[in-house]
PDB file of N, CA and C in Angstrom:
ATOM      1  N   MET A   1       0.824  -1.260   0.051  1.00  0.00           N
ATOM      2  CA  MET A   1       0.099   0.024  -0.069  1.00  0.00           C
ATOM      3  C   MET A   1       0.867   1.368  -0.176  1.00  0.00           C
ATOM      4  N   THR A   2       0.565   2.246  -0.884  1.00  0.00           N
ATOM      5  CA  THR A   2       1.322   3.400  -0.823  1.00  0.00           C
ATOM      6  C   THR A   2       1.101   4.245   0.401  1.00  0.00           C
ATOM      7  N   GLN A   3       2.115   5.252   0.575  1.00  0.00           N
ATOM      8  CA  GLN A   3       2.053   6.197   1.740  1.00  0.00           C
ATOM      9  C   GLN A   3       0.623   6.971   1.709  1.00  0.00           C
ATOM     10  N   VAL A   4       0.235   7.299   0.498  1.00  0.00           N
ATOM     11  CA  VAL A   4      -1.039   8.223   0.379  1.00  0.00           C
ATOM     12  C   VAL A   4      -2.259   7.435   0.672  1.00  0.00           C
ATOM     13  N   LEU A   5      -2.255   6.125   0.473  1.00  0.00           N
ATOM     14  CA  LEU A   5      -3.499   5.408   0.787  1.00  0.00           C
ATOM     15  C   LEU A   5      -3.399   5.052   2.368  1.00  0.00           C
ATOM     16  N   LYS A   6      -2.214   4.987   2.730  1.00  0.00           N
ATOM     17  CA  LYS A   6      -2.096   4.766   4.465  1.00  0.00           C
ATOM     18  C   LYS A   6      -2.720   6.058   5.078  1.00  0.00           C
ATOM     19  N   LEU A   7      -2.351   7.210   4.590  1.00  0.00           N
ATOM     20  CA  LEU A   7      -2.727   8.656   5.070  1.00  0.00           C
ATOM     21  C   LEU A   7      -4.289   8.672   4.907  1.00  0.00           C
ATOM     22  N   ILE A   8      -4.866   8.264   3.976  1.00  0.00           N
ATOM     23  CA  ILE A   8      -6.292   8.361   3.637  1.00  0.00           C
ATOM     24  C   ILE A   8      -6.923   7.470   4.386  1.00  0.00           C
ATOM     25  N   LYS A   9      -6.586   6.258   4.622  1.00  0.00           N
ATOM     26  CA  LYS A   9      -7.040   5.163   5.606  1.00  0.00           C
ATOM     27  C   LYS A   9      -7.146   5.658   7.056  1.00  0.00           C
ATOM     28  N   ALA A  10      -6.010   6.301   7.512  1.00  0.00           N
ATOM     29  CA  ALA A  10      -5.723   6.783   8.878  1.00  0.00           C
ATOM     30  C   ALA A  10      -6.760   7.989   8.994  1.00  0.00           C
ATOM     31  N   PHE A  11      -6.847   8.885   7.993  1.00  0.00           N
ATOM     32  CA  PHE A  11      -7.731   9.945   8.146  1.00  0.00           C
ATOM     33  C   PHE A  11      -9.172   9.498   8.085  1.00  0.00           C
ATOM     34  N   GLY A  12      -9.656   8.510   7.407  1.00  0.00           N
ATOM     35  CA  GLY A  12     -11.085   7.979   7.651  1.00  0.00           C
ATOM     36  C   GLY A  12     -11.240   7.289   8.857  1.00  0.00           C
ATOM     37  N   ARG A  13     -10.182   6.700   9.430  1.00  0.00           N
ATOM     38  CA  ARG A  13     -10.466   6.071  10.879  1.00  0.00           C
ATOM     39  C   ARG A  13     -10.493   7.144  11.945  1.00  0.00           C
ATOM     40  N   PHE A  14      -9.674   8.178  11.793  1.00  0.00           N
ATOM     41  CA  PHE A  14      -9.931   9.213  12.882  1.00  0.00           C
ATOM     42  C   PHE A  14     -11.246   9.769  12.703  1.00  0.00           C
ATOM     43  N   TRP A  15     -11.735  10.082  11.722  1.00  0.00           N
ATOM     44  CA  TRP A  15     -13.103  10.714  11.606  1.00  0.00           C
ATOM     45  C   TRP A  15     -14.307   9.721  11.935  1.00  0.00           C
ATOM     46  N   TRP A  16     -14.018   8.450  11.722  1.00  0.00           N
ATOM     47  CA  TRP A  16     -14.965   7.588  12.272  1.00  0.00           C
ATOM     48  C   TRP A  16     -14.999   7.480  13.670  1.00  0.00           C
ATOM     49  N   ASP A  17     -13.744   7.339  14.167  1.00  0.00           N
ATOM     50  CA  ASP A  17     -13.735   7.418  15.696  1.00  0.00           C
ATOM     51  C   ASP A  17     -14.230   8.492  16.406  1.00  0.00           C
ATOM     52  N   PHE A  18     -13.949   9.619  15.741  1.00  0.00           N
ATOM     53  CA  PHE A  18     -14.226  10.949  16.388  1.00  0.00           C
ATOM     54  C   PHE A  18     -15.839  11.079  16.328  1.00  0.00           C
ATOM     55  N   LEU A  19     -16.462  10.733  15.156  1.00  0.00           N
ATOM     56  CA  LEU A  19     -17.789  11.203  15.028  1.00  0.00           C
ATOM     57  C   LEU A  19     -18.622   9.861  15.515  1.00  0.00           C
ATOM     58  N   VAL A  20     -18.339   8.707  15.370  1.00  0.00           N
ATOM     59  CA  VAL A  20     -19.076   7.548  15.972  1.00  0.00           C
ATOM     60  C   VAL A  20     -18.698   7.122  17.281  1.00  0.00           C
ATOM     61  N   GLY A  21     -17.388   6.855  17.476  1.00  0.00           N
ATOM     62  CA  GLY A  21     -16.738   6.422  18.899  1.00  0.00           C
ATOM     63  C   GLY A  21     -17.503   5.172  19.265  1.00  0.00           C
ATOM     64  N   ASP A  22     -17.791   5.153  20.569  1.00  0.00           N
ATOM     65  CA  ASP A  22     -18.248   4.131  21.330  1.00  0.00           C
ATOM     66  C   ASP A  22     -19.783   4.032  21.248  1.00  0.00           C
ATOM     67  N   THR A  23     -20.482   5.106  20.846  1.00  0.00           N
ATOM     68  CA  THR A  23     -21.838   5.123  20.769  1.00  0.00           C
ATOM     69  C   THR A  23     -22.450   5.385  19.465  1.00  0.00           C
ATOM     70  N   PRO A  24     -22.574   4.594  18.619  1.00  0.00           N
ATOM     71  CA  PRO A  24     -23.010   4.831  17.166  1.00  0.00           C
ATOM     72  C   PRO A  24     -24.409   5.280  17.300  1.00  0.00           C
ATOM     73  N   GLU A  25     -25.327   4.997  18.312  1.00  0.00           N
ATOM     74  CA  GLU A  25     -26.677   5.247  18.520  1.00  0.00           C
ATOM     75  C   GLU A  25     -26.840   6.714  18.530  1.00  0.00           C
ATOM     76  N   LEU A  26     -25.771   7.463  19.131  1.00  0.00           N
ATOM     77  CA  LEU A  26     -25.822   8.896  19.387  1.00  0.00           C
ATOM     78  C   LEU A  26     -25.503   9.546  17.950  1.00  0.00           C
ATOM     79  N   PHE A  27     -24.801   8.920  17.280  1.00  0.00           N
ATOM     80  CA  PHE A  27     -24.229   9.329  16.014  1.00  0.00           C
ATOM     81  C   PHE A  27     -25.452   9.232  15.021  1.00  0.00           C
ATOM     82  N   VAL A  28     -26.238   8.171  14.920  1.00  0.00           N
ATOM     83  CA  VAL A  28     -27.382   8.044  14.030  1.00  0.00           C
ATOM     84  C   VAL A  28     -28.404   9.039  14.728  1.00  0.00           C
ATOM     85  N   SER A  29     -28.754   9.050  15.908  1.00  0.00           N
ATOM     86  CA  SER A  29     -30.022   9.834  16.289  1.00  0.00           C
ATOM     87  C   SER A  29     -29.554  11.237  16.042  1.00  0.00           C
ATOM     88  N   THR A  30     -28.295  11.794  15.997  1.00  0.00           N
ATOM     89  CA  THR A  30     -28.027  13.186  15.743  1.00  0.00           C
ATOM     90  C   THR A  30     -28.389  13.476  14.352  1.00  0.00           C
ATOM     91  N   LEU A  31     -27.925  12.397  13.319  1.00  0.00           N
ATOM     92  CA  LEU A  31     -28.367  12.564  11.945  1.00  0.00           C
ATOM     93  C   LEU A  31     -29.973  12.640  11.812  1.00  0.00           C
ATOM     94  N   VAL A  32     -30.702  11.898  12.461  1.00  0.00           N
ATOM     95  CA  VAL A  32     -32.019  11.813  12.441  1.00  0.00           C
ATOM     96  C   VAL A  32     -32.586  13.108  12.969  1.00  0.00           C
ATOM     97  N   ILE A  33     -32.136  13.631  13.947  1.00  0.00           N
ATOM     98  CA  ILE A  33     -32.604  14.965  14.516  1.00  0.00           C
ATOM     99  C   ILE A  33     -32.315  16.155  13.557  1.00  0.00           C
ATOM    100  N   LEU A  34     -31.239  16.182  12.943  1.00  0.00           N
ATOM    101  CA  LEU A  34     -30.884  17.220  11.875  1.00  0.00           C
ATOM    102  C   LEU A  34     -31.734  17.034  10.679  1.00  0.00           C
ATOM    103  N   ALA A  35     -32.105  15.767  10.407  1.00  0.00           N
ATOM    104  CA  ALA A  35     -32.726  15.576   9.143  1.00  0.00           C
ATOM    105  C   ALA A  35     -34.339  16.111   9.389  1.00  0.00           C
ATOM    106  N   ALA A  36     -34.776  15.629  10.577  1.00  0.00           N
ATOM    107  CA  ALA A  36     -36.261  15.874  11.028  1.00  0.00           C
ATOM    108  C   ALA A  36     -36.256  17.490  11.172  1.00  0.00           C
ATOM    109  N   THR A  37     -35.338  18.116  11.641  1.00  0.00           N
ATOM    110  CA  THR A  37     -35.377  19.576  11.943  1.00  0.00           C
ATOM    111  C   THR A  37     -35.283  20.280  10.490  1.00  0.00           C
ATOM    112  N   ALA A  38     -34.391  19.795   9.598  1.00  0.00           N
ATOM    113  CA  ALA A  38     -34.483  20.397   8.483  1.00  0.00           C
ATOM    114  C   ALA A  38     -35.713  20.336   7.463  1.00  0.00           C
ATOM    115  N   LEU A  39     -36.217  19.158   7.640  1.00  0.00           N
ATOM    116  CA  LEU A  39     -37.632  18.940   6.901  1.00  0.00           C
ATOM    117  C   LEU A  39     -38.725  19.662   7.597  1.00  0.00           C
ATOM    118  N   LEU A  40     -38.717  19.885   8.967  1.00  0.00           N
ATOM    119  CA  LEU A  40     -40.022  20.692   9.679  1.00  0.00           C
ATOM    120  C   LEU A  40     -39.466  22.114   9.310  1.00  0.00           C
ATOM    121  N   SER A  41     -38.437  22.620   9.268  1.00  0.00           N
ATOM    122  CA  SER A  41     -38.006  23.963   9.030  1.00  0.00           C
ATOM    123  C   SER A  41     -38.260  24.485   7.539  1.00  0.00           C
ATOM    124  N   ARG A  42     -38.798  23.711   6.666  1.00  0.00           N
ATOM    125  CA  ARG A  42     -39.056  23.912   5.342  1.00  0.00           C
ATOM    126  C   ARG A  42     -40.492  24.503   5.495  1.00  0.00           C
ATOM    127  N   GLY A  43     -41.296  24.144   6.187  1.00  0.00           N
ATOM    128  CA  GLY A  43     -42.701  24.526   6.257  1.00  0.00           C
ATOM    129  C   GLY A  43     -42.876  25.929   6.956  1.00  0.00           C
ATOM    130  N   HIS A  44     -44.049  26.175   7.315  1.00  0.00           N
ATOM    131  CA  HIS A  44     -44.447  27.323   7.998  1.00  0.00           C
ATOM    132  C   HIS A  44     -44.137  27.328   9.528  1.00  0.00           C
ATOM    133  N   HIS A  45     -43.947  26.201  10.002  1.00  0.00           N
ATOM    134  CA  HIS A  45     -43.599  26.008  11.440  1.00  0.00           C
ATOM    135  C   HIS A  45     -42.136  25.851  11.873  1.00  0.00           C
ATOM    136  N   ALA A  46     -41.341  26.609  11.313  1.00  0.00           N
ATOM    137  CA  ALA A  46     -40.000  26.424  11.553  1.00  0.00           C
ATOM    138  C   ALA A  46     -39.522  26.957  13.188  1.00  0.00           C
ATOM    139  N   GLY A  47     -40.231  28.027  13.533  1.00  0.00           N
ATOM    140  CA  GLY A  47     -40.006  28.382  15.008  1.00  0.00           C
ATOM    141  C   GLY A  47     -40.485  27.304  15.924  1.00  0.00           C
ATOM    142  N   TYR A  48     -41.395  26.673  15.578  1.00  0.00           N
ATOM    143  CA  TYR A  48     -42.099  25.646  16.508  1.00  0.00           C
ATOM    144  C   TYR A  48     -41.158  24.554  16.534  1.00  0.00           C
ATOM    145  N   ALA A  49     -40.511  24.100  15.188  1.00  0.00           N
ATOM    146  CA  ALA A  49     -39.625  23.006  15.311  1.00  0.00           C
ATOM    147  C   ALA A  49     -38.309  23.272  15.942  1.00  0.00           C
ATOM    148  N   ALA A  50     -37.998  24.575  15.942  1.00  0.00           N
ATOM    149  CA  ALA A  50     -36.710  25.081  16.513  1.00  0.00           C
ATOM    150  C   ALA A  50     -36.839  25.027  18.014  1.00  0.00           C
ATOM    151  N   GLU A  51     -38.007  25.389  18.590  1.00  0.00           N
ATOM    152  CA  GLU A  51     -38.176  25.709  19.848  1.00  0.00           C
ATOM    153  C   GLU A  51     -38.693  24.517  20.753  1.00  0.00           C
ATOM    154  N   VAL A  52     -39.420  23.623  20.065  1.00  0.00           N
ATOM    155  CA  VAL A  52     -40.029  22.489  20.647  1.00  0.00           C
ATOM    156  C   VAL A  52     -39.559  21.189  20.340  1.00  0.00           C
ATOM    157  N   ILE A  53     -39.570  20.931  19.201  1.00  0.00           N
ATOM    158  CA  ILE A  53     -39.278  19.595  18.605  1.00  0.00           C
ATOM    159  C   ILE A  53     -37.733  19.243  18.756  1.00  0.00           C
ATOM    160  N   LEU A  54     -36.958  20.145  18.233  1.00  0.00           N
ATOM    161  CA  LEU A  54     -35.477  19.827  18.359  1.00  0.00           C
ATOM    162  C   LEU A  54     -34.875  19.571  19.788  1.00  0.00           C
ATOM    163  N   PRO A  55     -35.433  20.332  20.831  1.00  0.00           N
ATOM    164  CA  PRO A  55     -34.819  19.969  22.238  1.00  0.00           C
ATOM    165  C   PRO A  55     -35.464  18.658  22.658  1.00  0.00           C
ATOM    166  N   LEU A  56     -36.821  18.488  22.385  1.00  0.00           N
ATOM    167  CA  LEU A  56     -37.458  17.348  22.637  1.00  0.00           C
ATOM    168  C   LEU A  56     -36.659  15.919  22.140  1.00  0.00           C
ATOM    169  N   LEU A  57     -36.264  15.837  20.928  1.00  0.00           N
ATOM    170  CA  LEU A  57     -35.710  14.958  20.087  1.00  0.00           C
ATOM    171  C   LEU A  57     -34.460  14.648  20.741  1.00  0.00           C
ATOM    172  N   VAL A  58     -33.657  15.747  21.147  1.00  0.00           N
ATOM    173  CA  VAL A  58     -32.094  15.639  21.761  1.00  0.00           C
ATOM    174  C   VAL A  58     -32.399  15.021  23.064  1.00  0.00           C
ATOM    175  N   VAL A  59     -33.311  15.370  23.915  1.00  0.00           N
ATOM    176  CA  VAL A  59     -33.471  14.812  25.184  1.00  0.00           C
ATOM    177  C   VAL A  59     -33.867  13.365  25.161  1.00  0.00           C
ATOM    178  N   LEU A  60     -34.682  12.946  24.258  1.00  0.00           N
ATOM    179  CA  LEU A  60     -35.229  11.588  23.898  1.00  0.00           C
ATOM    180  C   LEU A  60     -33.883  10.726  23.511  1.00  0.00           C
ATOM    181  N   SER A  61     -33.140  11.324  22.769  1.00  0.00           N
ATOM    182  CA  SER A  61     -32.045  10.517  22.002  1.00  0.00           C
ATOM    183  C   SER A  61     -31.029  10.263  23.338  1.00  0.00           C
ATOM    184  N   LEU A  62     -30.755  11.382  24.133  1.00  0.00           N
ATOM    185  CA  LEU A  62     -29.866  11.195  25.152  1.00  0.00           C
ATOM    186  C   LEU A  62     -30.397  10.060  26.238  1.00  0.00           C
ATOM    187  N   LEU A  63     -31.629  10.098  26.320  1.00  0.00           N
ATOM    188  CA  LEU A  63     -32.283   9.261  27.554  1.00  0.00           C
ATOM    189  C   LEU A  63     -32.143   7.877  26.791  1.00  0.00           C
ATOM    190  N   TRP A  64     -32.387   7.603  25.661  1.00  0.00           N
ATOM    191  CA  TRP A  64     -32.400   6.521  24.953  1.00  0.00           C
ATOM    192  C   TRP A  64     -30.862   5.898  25.174  1.00  0.00           C
ATOM    193  N   SER A  65     -29.947   6.689  25.001  1.00  0.00           N
ATOM    194  CA  SER A  65     -28.537   6.289  24.943  1.00  0.00           C
ATOM    195  C   SER A  65     -28.013   5.828  26.522  1.00  0.00           C
ATOM    196  N   VAL A  66     -28.537   6.675  27.493  1.00  0.00           N
ATOM    197  CA  VAL A  66     -28.164   6.461  28.888  1.00  0.00           C
ATOM    198  C   VAL A  66     -29.004   5.172  29.239  1.00  0.00           C
ATOM    199  N   ARG A  67     -30.213   4.898  28.887  1.00  0.00           N
ATOM    200  CA  ARG A  67     -30.998   3.516  29.097  1.00  0.00           C
ATOM    201  C   ARG A  67     -30.319   2.479  28.614  1.00  0.00           C
ATOM    202  N   LYS A  68     -29.703   2.639  27.365  1.00  0.00           N
ATOM    203  CA  LYS A  68     -28.847   1.373  26.758  1.00  0.00           C
ATOM    204  C   LYS A  68     -27.582   1.066  27.613  1.00  0.00           C
ATOM    205  N   SER A  69     -27.084   1.917  28.256  1.00  0.00           N
ATOM    206  CA  SER A  69     -25.814   1.778  29.107  1.00  0.00           C
ATOM    207  C   SER A  69     -26.091   1.491  30.495  1.00  0.00           C
ATOM    208  N   TRP A  70     -27.405   1.401  30.977  1.00  0.00           N
ATOM    209  CA  TRP A  70     -27.637   1.020  32.398  1.00  0.00           C
ATOM    210  C   TRP A  70     -27.426  -0.514  32.516  1.00  0.00           C
ATOM    211  N   PRO A  71     -26.819  -0.926  33.608  1.00  0.00           N
ATOM    212  CA  PRO A  71     -26.580  -2.305  33.853  1.00  0.00           C
ATOM    213  C   PRO A  71     -27.884  -3.168  34.042  1.00  0.00           C
ATOM    214  N   LYS A  72     -28.028  -4.299  33.498  1.00  0.00           N
ATOM    215  CA  LYS A  72     -29.267  -5.026  33.480  1.00  0.00           C
ATOM    216  C   LYS A  72     -29.126  -5.690  34.900  1.00  0.00           C
ATOM    217  N   ARG A  73     -30.447  -5.817  35.398  1.00  0.00           N
ATOM    218  CA  ARG A  73     -30.648  -6.410  36.857  1.00  0.00           C
ATOM    219  C   ARG A  73     -31.169  -7.931  36.570  1.00  0.00           C
TER     220      ARG A  73
END
């Protein structure tokens, strides 16, 4: 493998580890939240989406992530 390909591979691994890391569900939920906010902001309810729906989705995704990491009884 050439040096350039090794650098590209290392760069890709860095960004994967930086963005996804140990919790891929937070990465996916962030993409879903951004997409939902973008779709909702296209309509006439952009303020409502920014003030209510976005924080609600963020809190729900964080609770979902924390719930998955709780120890099983």
